[in-house]
Amino acid sequence: MAIRMPRIIQVRQILKRSLSNGGSTPASMDIPKGYFAIYVGEQEKKRFVVPISILSEPRFQELLHQSEQEFGYNHPMGGITIPCSEDVFTNLASRFGAF
C-alpha cells in the first residue's frame, strides 16, 4: 500500500487546530515533541500519546479513514478520535512499536 500524503497533511492540520485551541492546557503540555494524542474507544474514550511516525503505517491510515467516515474532521474530543476498541488499537500500535 502506498502512503497517502494528503491524509497525513489533513491529520497535521487537525493536530495544529487541536493544539492551538488548547495549547496551554495541562493535557496538551504532557505531549513530548514528535508525539500526538489520540482518543480510542467505542463507548468510553481513552487517551493515548503515540509517535508521529505511526502516521506512515498503512493500517493506522485505515483507522484514520474510519475516523474520517464516522466523525469527519469534527472530532468530539478535540483531538483525533479513533473508532475501535482499546484492545484492537493497543495490539496494532504495539506492532508498530508505538508503545
PDB file of N, CA and C in Angstrom:
ATOM      1  N   MET A   1       0.827  -1.185   0.000  1.00  0.00           N
ATOM      2  CA  MET A   1       0.000   0.000   0.000  1.00  0.00           C
ATOM      3  C   MET A   1       0.871   1.247   0.000  1.00  0.00           C
ATOM      4  N   ALA A   2       0.424   2.230  -0.697  1.00  0.00           N
ATOM      5  CA  ALA A   2       1.158   3.493  -0.769  1.00  0.00           C
ATOM      6  C   ALA A   2       0.758   4.394   0.397  1.00  0.00           C
ATOM      7  N   ILE A   3       1.665   5.261   0.765  1.00  0.00           N
ATOM      8  CA  ILE A   3       1.384   6.244   1.806  1.00  0.00           C
ATOM      9  C   ILE A   3       0.541   7.348   1.186  1.00  0.00           C
ATOM     10  N   ARG A   4      -0.524   7.680   1.842  1.00  0.00           N
ATOM     11  CA  ARG A   4      -1.413   8.715   1.336  1.00  0.00           C
ATOM     12  C   ARG A   4      -1.024  10.047   1.959  1.00  0.00           C
ATOM     13  N   MET A   5      -0.265  10.819   1.242  1.00  0.00           N
ATOM     14  CA  MET A   5       0.234  12.091   1.768  1.00  0.00           C
ATOM     15  C   MET A   5      -0.884  13.074   2.096  1.00  0.00           C
ATOM     16  N   PRO A   6      -1.947  13.194   1.280  1.00  0.00           N
ATOM     17  CA  PRO A   6      -2.997  14.151   1.642  1.00  0.00           C
ATOM     18  C   PRO A   6      -3.602  13.844   3.012  1.00  0.00           C
ATOM     19  N   ARG A   7      -3.752  12.572   3.346  1.00  0.00           N
ATOM     20  CA  ARG A   7      -4.331  12.211   4.639  1.00  0.00           C
ATOM     21  C   ARG A   7      -3.398  12.632   5.774  1.00  0.00           C
ATOM     22  N   ILE A   8      -2.093  12.449   5.583  1.00  0.00           N
ATOM     23  CA  ILE A   8      -1.135  12.862   6.609  1.00  0.00           C
ATOM     24  C   ILE A   8      -1.183  14.374   6.783  1.00  0.00           C
ATOM     25  N   ILE A   9      -1.288  15.095   5.690  1.00  0.00           N
ATOM     26  CA  ILE A   9      -1.380  16.557   5.759  1.00  0.00           C
ATOM     27  C   ILE A   9      -2.649  16.972   6.496  1.00  0.00           C
ATOM     28  N   GLN A  10      -3.764  16.272   6.231  1.00  0.00           N
ATOM     29  CA  GLN A  10      -5.015  16.577   6.919  1.00  0.00           C
ATOM     30  C   GLN A  10      -4.898  16.324   8.415  1.00  0.00           C
ATOM     31  N   VAL A  11      -4.231  15.240   8.790  1.00  0.00           N
ATOM     32  CA  VAL A  11      -4.045  14.935  10.206  1.00  0.00           C
ATOM     33  C   VAL A  11      -3.198  16.013  10.872  1.00  0.00           C
ATOM     34  N   ARG A  12      -2.172  16.468  10.188  1.00  0.00           N
ATOM     35  CA  ARG A  12      -1.340  17.540  10.743  1.00  0.00           C
ATOM     36  C   ARG A  12      -2.160  18.801  10.973  1.00  0.00           C
ATOM     37  N   GLN A  13      -3.075  19.107  10.043  1.00  0.00           N
ATOM     38  CA  GLN A  13      -3.918  20.287  10.207  1.00  0.00           C
ATOM     39  C   GLN A  13      -4.840  20.137  11.414  1.00  0.00           C
ATOM     40  N   ILE A  14      -5.386  18.934  11.617  1.00  0.00           N
ATOM     41  CA  ILE A  14      -6.238  18.681  12.776  1.00  0.00           C
ATOM     42  C   ILE A  14      -5.428  18.847  14.053  1.00  0.00           C
ATOM     43  N   LEU A  15      -4.206  18.313  14.045  1.00  0.00           N
ATOM     44  CA  LEU A  15      -3.354  18.427  15.225  1.00  0.00           C
ATOM     45  C   LEU A  15      -3.036  19.881  15.541  1.00  0.00           C
ATOM     46  N   LYS A  16      -2.731  20.670  14.502  1.00  0.00           N
ATOM     47  CA  LYS A  16      -2.434  22.085  14.727  1.00  0.00           C
ATOM     48  C   LYS A  16      -3.629  22.794  15.333  1.00  0.00           C
ATOM     49  N   ARG A  17      -4.840  22.492  14.830  1.00  0.00           N
ATOM     50  CA  ARG A  17      -6.051  23.114  15.360  1.00  0.00           C
ATOM     51  C   ARG A  17      -6.270  22.709  16.811  1.00  0.00           C
ATOM     52  N   SER A  18      -6.098  21.405  17.117  1.00  0.00           N
ATOM     53  CA  SER A  18      -6.361  20.966  18.484  1.00  0.00           C
ATOM     54  C   SER A  18      -5.324  21.526  19.442  1.00  0.00           C
ATOM     55  N   LEU A  19      -4.073  21.655  19.002  1.00  0.00           N
ATOM     56  CA  LEU A  19      -3.042  22.213  19.868  1.00  0.00           C
ATOM     57  C   LEU A  19      -3.221  23.719  20.043  1.00  0.00           C
ATOM     58  N   SER A  20      -3.648  24.405  18.982  1.00  0.00           N
ATOM     59  CA  SER A  20      -3.816  25.853  19.098  1.00  0.00           C
ATOM     60  C   SER A  20      -5.051  26.196  19.916  1.00  0.00           C
ATOM     61  N   ASN A  21      -6.066  25.319  19.909  1.00  0.00           N
ATOM     62  CA  ASN A  21      -7.274  25.577  20.705  1.00  0.00           C
ATOM     63  C   ASN A  21      -7.026  25.370  22.191  1.00  0.00           C
ATOM     64  N   GLY A  22      -6.168  24.454  22.535  1.00  0.00           N
ATOM     65  CA  GLY A  22      -5.949  24.182  23.947  1.00  0.00           C
ATOM     66  C   GLY A  22      -4.481  24.056  24.265  1.00  0.00           C
ATOM     67  N   GLY A  23      -3.656  24.828  23.610  1.00  0.00           N
ATOM     68  CA  GLY A  23      -2.216  24.707  23.754  1.00  0.00           C
ATOM     69  C   GLY A  23      -1.685  24.962  25.141  1.00  0.00           C
ATOM     70  N   SER A  24      -2.419  25.667  25.961  1.00  0.00           N
ATOM     71  CA  SER A  24      -1.901  25.959  27.295  1.00  0.00           C
ATOM     72  C   SER A  24      -2.525  25.076  28.366  1.00  0.00           C
ATOM     73  N   THR A  25      -3.355  24.127  27.967  1.00  0.00           N
ATOM     74  CA  THR A  25      -3.973  23.250  28.950  1.00  0.00           C
ATOM     75  C   THR A  25      -2.977  22.209  29.420  1.00  0.00           C
ATOM     76  N   PRO A  26      -3.119  21.729  30.652  1.00  0.00           N
ATOM     77  CA  PRO A  26      -2.190  20.728  31.170  1.00  0.00           C
ATOM     78  C   PRO A  26      -2.159  19.452  30.335  1.00  0.00           C
ATOM     79  N   ALA A  27      -3.291  19.042  29.746  1.00  0.00           N
ATOM     80  CA  ALA A  27      -3.328  17.812  28.962  1.00  0.00           C
ATOM     81  C   ALA A  27      -2.421  17.906  27.741  1.00  0.00           C
ATOM     82  N   SER A  28      -2.356  19.068  27.107  1.00  0.00           N
ATOM     83  CA  SER A  28      -1.514  19.189  25.926  1.00  0.00           C
ATOM     84  C   SER A  28      -0.053  19.431  26.287  1.00  0.00           C
ATOM     85  N   MET A  29       0.214  19.843  27.505  1.00  0.00           N
ATOM     86  CA  MET A  29       1.584  20.129  27.913  1.00  0.00           C
ATOM     87  C   MET A  29       2.388  18.850  28.135  1.00  0.00           C
ATOM     88  N   ASP A  30       1.711  17.712  28.358  1.00  0.00           N
ATOM     89  CA  ASP A  30       2.419  16.477  28.635  1.00  0.00           C
ATOM     90  C   ASP A  30       2.697  15.650  27.380  1.00  0.00           C
ATOM     91  N   ILE A  31       2.565  16.251  26.225  1.00  0.00           N
ATOM     92  CA  ILE A  31       2.843  15.555  24.968  1.00  0.00           C
ATOM     93  C   ILE A  31       4.235  15.951  24.507  1.00  0.00           C
ATOM     94  N   PRO A  32       5.161  14.986  24.467  1.00  0.00           N
ATOM     95  CA  PRO A  32       6.520  15.317  24.027  1.00  0.00           C
ATOM     96  C   PRO A  32       6.570  15.633  22.535  1.00  0.00           C
ATOM     97  N   LYS A  33       7.596  16.339  22.153  1.00  0.00           N
ATOM     98  CA  LYS A  33       7.792  16.682  20.755  1.00  0.00           C
ATOM     99  C   LYS A  33       7.926  15.381  19.946  1.00  0.00           C
ATOM    100  N   GLY A  34       7.270  15.344  18.791  1.00  0.00           N
ATOM    101  CA  GLY A  34       7.310  14.153  17.949  1.00  0.00           C
ATOM    102  C   GLY A  34       6.200  13.161  18.246  1.00  0.00           C
ATOM    103  N   TYR A  35       5.291  13.533  19.136  1.00  0.00           N
ATOM    104  CA  TYR A  35       4.163  12.676  19.515  1.00  0.00           C
ATOM    105  C   TYR A  35       2.874  13.465  19.391  1.00  0.00           C
ATOM    106  N   PHE A  36       1.750  12.753  19.406  1.00  0.00           N
ATOM    107  CA  PHE A  36       0.453  13.405  19.429  1.00  0.00           C
ATOM    108  C   PHE A  36      -0.527  12.537  20.199  1.00  0.00           C
ATOM    109  N   ALA A  37      -1.582  13.161  20.661  1.00  0.00           N
ATOM    110  CA  ALA A  37      -2.594  12.455  21.447  1.00  0.00           C
ATOM    111  C   ALA A  37      -3.747  12.043  20.551  1.00  0.00           C
ATOM    112  N   ILE A  38      -4.237  10.838  20.796  1.00  0.00           N
ATOM    113  CA  ILE A  38      -5.451  10.372  20.123  1.00  0.00           C
ATOM    114  C   ILE A  38      -6.356   9.762  21.175  1.00  0.00           C
ATOM    115  N   TYR A  39      -7.617   9.675  20.857  1.00  0.00           N
ATOM    116  CA  TYR A  39      -8.605   9.088  21.747  1.00  0.00           C
ATOM    117  C   TYR A  39      -9.156   7.844  21.077  1.00  0.00           C
ATOM    118  N   VAL A  40      -9.185   6.749  21.832  1.00  0.00           N
ATOM    119  CA  VAL A  40      -9.577   5.453  21.285  1.00  0.00           C
ATOM    120  C   VAL A  40     -10.663   4.856  22.165  1.00  0.00           C
ATOM    121  N   GLY A  41     -11.624   4.228  21.530  1.00  0.00           N
ATOM    122  CA  GLY A  41     -12.659   3.516  22.268  1.00  0.00           C
ATOM    123  C   GLY A  41     -13.983   3.590  21.549  1.00  0.00           C
ATOM    124  N   GLU A  42     -14.819   2.614  21.821  1.00  0.00           N
ATOM    125  CA  GLU A  42     -16.124   2.587  21.186  1.00  0.00           C
ATOM    126  C   GLU A  42     -17.155   3.351  22.017  1.00  0.00           C
ATOM    127  N   GLN A  43     -17.173   3.120  23.307  1.00  0.00           N
ATOM    128  CA  GLN A  43     -18.089   3.827  24.198  1.00  0.00           C
ATOM    129  C   GLN A  43     -17.324   4.892  24.978  1.00  0.00           C
ATOM    130  N   GLU A  44     -16.489   4.446  25.884  1.00  0.00           N
ATOM    131  CA  GLU A  44     -15.679   5.341  26.696  1.00  0.00           C
ATOM    132  C   GLU A  44     -14.324   5.512  26.024  1.00  0.00           C
ATOM    133  N   LYS A  45     -13.886   6.734  25.857  1.00  0.00           N
ATOM    134  CA  LYS A  45     -12.638   7.027  25.142  1.00  0.00           C
ATOM    135  C   LYS A  45     -11.458   7.088  26.095  1.00  0.00           C
ATOM    136  N   LYS A  46     -10.342   6.499  25.675  1.00  0.00           N
ATOM    137  CA  LYS A  46      -9.111   6.556  26.439  1.00  0.00           C
ATOM    138  C   LYS A  46      -8.069   7.295  25.610  1.00  0.00           C
ATOM    139  N   ARG A  47      -7.287   8.139  26.264  1.00  0.00           N
ATOM    140  CA  ARG A  47      -6.280   8.956  25.587  1.00  0.00           C
ATOM    141  C   ARG A  47      -4.958   8.195  25.510  1.00  0.00           C
ATOM    142  N   PHE A  48      -4.360   8.197  24.316  1.00  0.00           N
ATOM    143  CA  PHE A  48      -3.048   7.618  24.089  1.00  0.00           C
ATOM    144  C   PHE A  48      -2.145   8.674  23.478  1.00  0.00           C
ATOM    145  N   VAL A  49      -0.888   8.660  23.843  1.00  0.00           N
ATOM    146  CA  VAL A  49       0.109   9.535  23.227  1.00  0.00           C
ATOM    147  C   VAL A  49       1.019   8.631  22.410  1.00  0.00           C
ATOM    148  N   VAL A  50       1.026   8.857  21.101  1.00  0.00           N
ATOM    149  CA  VAL A  50       1.756   7.984  20.180  1.00  0.00           C
ATOM    150  C   VAL A  50       2.723   8.798  19.328  1.00  0.00           C
ATOM    151  N   PRO A  51       3.773   8.157  18.814  1.00  0.00           N
ATOM    152  CA  PRO A  51       4.725   8.889  17.975  1.00  0.00           C
ATOM    153  C   PRO A  51       4.120   9.245  16.616  1.00  0.00           C
ATOM    154  N   ILE A  52       4.560  10.359  16.085  1.00  0.00           N
ATOM    155  CA  ILE A  52       4.071  10.803  14.774  1.00  0.00           C
ATOM    156  C   ILE A  52       4.424   9.790  13.682  1.00  0.00           C
ATOM    157  N   SER A  53       5.473   9.015  13.880  1.00  0.00           N
ATOM    158  CA  SER A  53       5.885   8.027  12.881  1.00  0.00           C
ATOM    159  C   SER A  53       4.792   7.004  12.587  1.00  0.00           C
ATOM    160  N   ILE A  54       3.838   6.855  13.498  1.00  0.00           N
ATOM    161  CA  ILE A  54       2.739   5.912  13.295  1.00  0.00           C
ATOM    162  C   ILE A  54       1.850   6.335  12.119  1.00  0.00           C
ATOM    163  N   LEU A  55       1.897   7.621  11.758  1.00  0.00           N
ATOM    164  CA  LEU A  55       1.070   8.119  10.656  1.00  0.00           C
ATOM    165  C   LEU A  55       1.405   7.475   9.320  1.00  0.00           C
ATOM    166  N   SER A  56       2.625   6.983   9.168  1.00  0.00           N
ATOM    167  CA  SER A  56       3.020   6.390   7.890  1.00  0.00           C
ATOM    168  C   SER A  56       2.626   4.921   7.768  1.00  0.00           C
ATOM    169  N   GLU A  57       2.088   4.336   8.822  1.00  0.00           N
ATOM    170  CA  GLU A  57       1.691   2.926   8.793  1.00  0.00           C
ATOM    171  C   GLU A  57       0.359   2.762   8.066  1.00  0.00           C
ATOM    172  N   PRO A  58       0.311   1.883   7.050  1.00  0.00           N
ATOM    173  CA  PRO A  58      -0.933   1.698   6.285  1.00  0.00           C
ATOM    174  C   PRO A  58      -2.130   1.292   7.151  1.00  0.00           C
ATOM    175  N   ARG A  59      -1.925   0.453   8.146  1.00  0.00           N
ATOM    176  CA  ARG A  59      -3.062   0.037   8.984  1.00  0.00           C
ATOM    177  C   ARG A  59      -3.570   1.189   9.846  1.00  0.00           C
ATOM    178  N   PHE A  60      -2.664   2.046  10.295  1.00  0.00           N
ATOM    179  CA  PHE A  60      -3.100   3.218  11.046  1.00  0.00           C
ATOM    180  C   PHE A  60      -3.851   4.169  10.122  1.00  0.00           C
ATOM    181  N   GLN A  61      -3.413   4.281   8.884  1.00  0.00           N
ATOM    182  CA  GLN A  61      -4.118   5.119   7.917  1.00  0.00           C
ATOM    183  C   GLN A  61      -5.532   4.600   7.672  1.00  0.00           C
ATOM    184  N   GLU A  62      -5.708   3.267   7.728  1.00  0.00           N
ATOM    185  CA  GLU A  62      -7.050   2.699   7.605  1.00  0.00           C
ATOM    186  C   GLU A  62      -7.926   3.151   8.780  1.00  0.00           C
ATOM    187  N   LEU A  63      -7.334   3.166   9.985  1.00  0.00           N
ATOM    188  CA  LEU A  63      -8.081   3.649  11.148  1.00  0.00           C
ATOM    189  C   LEU A  63      -8.445   5.123  10.994  1.00  0.00           C
ATOM    190  N   LEU A  64      -7.525   5.907  10.442  1.00  0.00           N
ATOM    191  CA  LEU A  64      -7.816   7.322  10.196  1.00  0.00           C
ATOM    192  C   LEU A  64      -8.954   7.482   9.196  1.00  0.00           C
ATOM    193  N   HIS A  65      -8.978   6.620   8.207  1.00  0.00           N
ATOM    194  CA  HIS A  65     -10.056   6.669   7.215  1.00  0.00           C
ATOM    195  C   HIS A  65     -11.394   6.341   7.884  1.00  0.00           C
ATOM    196  N   GLN A  66     -11.396   5.336   8.767  1.00  0.00           N
ATOM    197  CA  GLN A  66     -12.619   5.005   9.501  1.00  0.00           C
ATOM    198  C   GLN A  66     -13.053   6.183  10.364  1.00  0.00           C
ATOM    199  N   SER A  67     -12.092   6.841  10.976  1.00  0.00           N
ATOM    200  CA  SER A  67     -12.383   8.008  11.799  1.00  0.00           C
ATOM    201  C   SER A  67     -12.991   9.126  10.956  1.00  0.00           C
ATOM    202  N   GLU A  68     -12.428   9.304   9.772  1.00  0.00           N
ATOM    203  CA  GLU A  68     -12.953  10.327   8.861  1.00  0.00           C
ATOM    204  C   GLU A  68     -14.391  10.007   8.464  1.00  0.00           C
ATOM    205  N   GLN A  69     -14.680   8.720   8.205  1.00  0.00           N
ATOM    206  CA  GLN A  69     -16.031   8.321   7.821  1.00  0.00           C
ATOM    207  C   GLN A  69     -17.028   8.554   8.956  1.00  0.00           C
ATOM    208  N   GLU A  70     -16.596   8.292  10.191  1.00  0.00           N
ATOM    209  CA  GLU A  70     -17.511   8.410  11.324  1.00  0.00           C
ATOM    210  C   GLU A  70     -17.653   9.832  11.846  1.00  0.00           C
ATOM    211  N   PHE A  71     -16.534  10.546  11.965  1.00  0.00           N
ATOM    212  CA  PHE A  71     -16.555  11.865  12.591  1.00  0.00           C
ATOM    213  C   PHE A  71     -16.320  13.017  11.629  1.00  0.00           C
ATOM    214  N   GLY A  72     -15.866  12.747  10.413  1.00  0.00           N
ATOM    215  CA  GLY A  72     -15.449  13.834   9.531  1.00  0.00           C
ATOM    216  C   GLY A  72     -14.208  14.461  10.120  1.00  0.00           C
ATOM    217  N   TYR A  73     -14.129  15.766  10.118  1.00  0.00           N
ATOM    218  CA  TYR A  73     -12.980  16.436  10.708  1.00  0.00           C
ATOM    219  C   TYR A  73     -13.377  17.206  11.964  1.00  0.00           C
ATOM    220  N   ASN A  74     -14.539  16.887  12.489  1.00  0.00           N
ATOM    221  CA  ASN A  74     -15.018  17.494  13.724  1.00  0.00           C
ATOM    222  C   ASN A  74     -14.968  16.426  14.807  1.00  0.00           C
ATOM    223  N   HIS A  75     -13.830  16.271  15.450  1.00  0.00           N
ATOM    224  CA  HIS A  75     -13.658  15.238  16.456  1.00  0.00           C
ATOM    225  C   HIS A  75     -14.188  15.723  17.794  1.00  0.00           C
ATOM    226  N   PRO A  76     -15.081  14.961  18.406  1.00  0.00           N
ATOM    227  CA  PRO A  76     -15.745  15.409  19.633  1.00  0.00           C
ATOM    228  C   PRO A  76     -14.819  15.608  20.826  1.00  0.00           C
ATOM    229  N   MET A  77     -13.669  14.947  20.853  1.00  0.00           N
ATOM    230  CA  MET A  77     -12.767  15.050  21.995  1.00  0.00           C
ATOM    231  C   MET A  77     -11.762  16.190  21.827  1.00  0.00           C
ATOM    232  N   GLY A  78     -11.766  16.867  20.685  1.00  0.00           N
ATOM    233  CA  GLY A  78     -10.827  17.953  20.454  1.00  0.00           C
ATOM    234  C   GLY A  78      -9.542  17.478  19.797  1.00  0.00           C
ATOM    235  N   GLY A  79      -9.299  16.200  19.797  1.00  0.00           N
ATOM    236  CA  GLY A  79      -8.148  15.600  19.125  1.00  0.00           C
ATOM    237  C   GLY A  79      -8.658  14.523  18.198  1.00  0.00           C
ATOM    238  N   ILE A  80      -7.781  13.760  17.639  1.00  0.00           N
ATOM    239  CA  ILE A  80      -8.180  12.689  16.735  1.00  0.00           C
ATOM    240  C   ILE A  80      -8.824  11.574  17.551  1.00  0.00           C
ATOM    241  N   THR A  81     -10.000  11.142  17.131  1.00  0.00           N
ATOM    242  CA  THR A  81     -10.724  10.063  17.791  1.00  0.00           C
ATOM    243  C   THR A  81     -10.778   8.873  16.843  1.00  0.00           C
ATOM    244  N   ILE A  82     -10.317   7.721  17.332  1.00  0.00           N
ATOM    245  CA  ILE A  82     -10.287   6.508  16.520  1.00  0.00           C
ATOM    246  C   ILE A  82     -11.417   5.590  16.979  1.00  0.00           C
ATOM    247  N   PRO A  83     -12.341   5.216  16.080  1.00  0.00           N
ATOM    248  CA  PRO A  83     -13.485   4.397  16.471  1.00  0.00           C
ATOM    249  C   PRO A  83     -13.177   2.891  16.445  1.00  0.00           C
ATOM    250  N   CYS A  84     -12.380   2.431  17.387  1.00  0.00           N
ATOM    251  CA  CYS A  84     -12.133   0.998  17.531  1.00  0.00           C
ATOM    252  C   CYS A  84     -11.931   0.699  19.002  1.00  0.00           C
ATOM    253  N   SER A  85     -11.913  -0.560  19.358  1.00  0.00           N
ATOM    254  CA  SER A  85     -11.737  -0.911  20.767  1.00  0.00           C
ATOM    255  C   SER A  85     -10.293  -0.653  21.193  1.00  0.00           C
ATOM    256  N   GLU A  86     -10.103  -0.442  22.482  1.00  0.00           N
ATOM    257  CA  GLU A  86      -8.756  -0.208  23.009  1.00  0.00           C
ATOM    258  C   GLU A  86      -7.852  -1.402  22.733  1.00  0.00           C
ATOM    259  N   ASP A  87      -8.392  -2.607  22.870  1.00  0.00           N
ATOM    260  CA  ASP A  87      -7.598  -3.814  22.656  1.00  0.00           C
ATOM    261  C   ASP A  87      -7.071  -3.898  21.227  1.00  0.00           C
ATOM    262  N   VAL A  88      -7.928  -3.598  20.269  1.00  0.00           N
ATOM    263  CA  VAL A  88      -7.513  -3.634  18.861  1.00  0.00           C
ATOM    264  C   VAL A  88      -6.421  -2.598  18.624  1.00  0.00           C
ATOM    265  N   PHE A  89      -6.621  -1.382  19.155  1.00  0.00           N
ATOM    266  CA  PHE A  89      -5.642  -0.325  18.945  1.00  0.00           C
ATOM    267  C   PHE A  89      -4.303  -0.640  19.608  1.00  0.00           C
ATOM    268  N   THR A  90      -4.327  -1.086  20.865  1.00  0.00           N
ATOM    269  CA  THR A  90      -3.068  -1.366  21.555  1.00  0.00           C
ATOM    270  C   THR A  90      -2.314  -2.507  20.883  1.00  0.00           C
ATOM    271  N   ASN A  91      -3.043  -3.505  20.399  1.00  0.00           N
ATOM    272  CA  ASN A  91      -2.399  -4.597  19.675  1.00  0.00           C
ATOM    273  C   ASN A  91      -1.744  -4.078  18.402  1.00  0.00           C
ATOM    274  N   LEU A  92      -2.461  -3.274  17.661  1.00  0.00           N
ATOM    275  CA  LEU A  92      -1.943  -2.716  16.414  1.00  0.00           C
ATOM    276  C   LEU A  92      -0.771  -1.767  16.682  1.00  0.00           C
ATOM    277  N   ALA A  93      -0.912  -0.889  17.651  1.00  0.00           N
ATOM    278  CA  ALA A  93       0.140   0.089  17.954  1.00  0.00           C
ATOM    279  C   ALA A  93       1.401  -0.594  18.476  1.00  0.00           C
ATOM    280  N   SER A  94       1.243  -1.683  19.205  1.00  0.00           N
ATOM    281  CA  SER A  94       2.433  -2.387  19.696  1.00  0.00           C
ATOM    282  C   SER A  94       3.199  -3.030  18.547  1.00  0.00           C
ATOM    283  N   ARG A  95       2.499  -3.429  17.505  1.00  0.00           N
ATOM    284  CA  ARG A  95       3.177  -3.960  16.306  1.00  0.00           C
ATOM    285  C   ARG A  95       4.001  -2.887  15.604  1.00  0.00           C
ATOM    286  N   PHE A  96       3.542  -1.644  15.683  1.00  0.00           N
ATOM    287  CA  PHE A  96       4.261  -0.530  15.074  1.00  0.00           C
ATOM    288  C   PHE A  96       5.396  -0.041  15.947  1.00  0.00           C
ATOM    289  N   GLY A  97       5.454  -0.513  17.171  1.00  0.00           N
ATOM    290  CA  GLY A  97       6.474  -0.037  18.103  1.00  0.00           C
ATOM    291  C   GLY A  97       6.104   1.275  18.750  1.00  0.00           C
ATOM    292  N   ALA A  98       4.794   1.599  18.796  1.00  0.00           N
ATOM    293  CA  ALA A  98       4.342   2.867  19.368  1.00  0.00           C
ATOM    294  C   ALA A  98       4.429   2.863  20.891  1.00  0.00           C
ATOM    295  N   PHE A  99       4.369   1.683  21.496  1.00  0.00           N
ATOM    296  CA  PHE A  99       4.467   1.605  22.963  1.00  0.00           C
ATOM    297  C   PHE A  99       5.643   0.725  23.316  1.00  0.00           C
TER     298      PHE A  99
END
